[in-house]
Amino acid sequence: MSPPAGSLRGVMGMGGAGGRDAERRRRLVAAVVVLAMLLVAGATVLSLALG
């Protein structure tokens, strides 16, 4: 039986969600998110200190 018409099984990425590079990709995304949060926090502190 074929999957439903709205199925997103193969749309997660080049190799799917569980490809061989999935763990590295997840760590890279997490690192970018953490870096962005640190930059925002630093900009907020600097803005408060200078304002």
Protein backbone atom coordinates (compact mmCIF):
# COMPACT_ATOMS: atom_id res chain seq x y z
CA MET A 1 0.00 0.00 0.00
CA SER A 2 1.38 3.44 -0.90
CA PRO A 3 1.76 6.23 1.66
CA PRO A 4 -0.90 8.93 1.89
CA ALA A 5 -0.78 11.75 -0.65
CA GLY A 6 0.30 14.34 1.94
CA SER A 7 3.18 12.26 3.32
CA LEU A 8 6.44 14.14 3.93
CA ARG A 9 8.63 11.09 4.47
CA GLY A 10 11.23 11.87 1.83
CA VAL A 11 11.27 15.64 2.18
CA MET A 12 13.41 16.01 5.30
CA GLY A 13 16.64 16.54 3.38
CA MET A 14 18.98 14.96 0.90
CA GLY A 15 19.27 11.67 2.78
CA GLY A 16 16.15 11.96 4.88
CA ALA A 17 16.08 12.63 8.61
CA GLY A 18 18.23 9.62 9.46
CA GLY A 19 20.96 9.90 6.88
CA ARG A 20 24.60 9.23 7.66
CA ASP A 21 25.29 12.92 8.26
CA ALA A 22 22.17 13.53 10.36
CA GLU A 23 24.00 13.71 13.69
CA ARG A 24 26.61 16.12 12.36
CA ARG A 25 23.88 18.26 10.80
CA ARG A 26 21.94 18.38 14.08
CA ARG A 27 25.08 19.40 15.99
CA LEU A 28 25.85 22.11 13.44
CA VAL A 29 22.32 23.51 13.68
CA ALA A 30 22.50 23.44 17.49
CA ALA A 31 25.86 25.26 17.42
CA VAL A 32 24.48 27.94 15.09
CA VAL A 33 21.43 28.44 17.31
CA VAL A 34 23.60 28.74 20.44
CA LEU A 35 25.94 31.19 18.71
CA ALA A 36 22.99 33.32 17.60
CA MET A 37 21.60 33.35 21.14
CA LEU A 38 24.99 34.40 22.54
CA LEU A 39 25.27 37.21 20.00
CA VAL A 40 21.78 38.46 20.85
CA ALA A 41 22.54 38.33 24.58
CA GLY A 42 25.82 40.19 24.04
CA ALA A 43 24.14 42.85 21.93
CA THR A 44 21.44 43.28 24.59
CA VAL A 45 23.99 43.68 27.39
CA LEU A 46 26.02 46.12 25.29
CA SER A 47 22.91 48.12 24.43
CA LEU A 48 21.92 48.33 28.09
CA ALA A 49 25.45 49.30 29.14
CA LEU A 50 25.73 52.07 26.55
CA GLY A 51 22.16 53.32 26.77
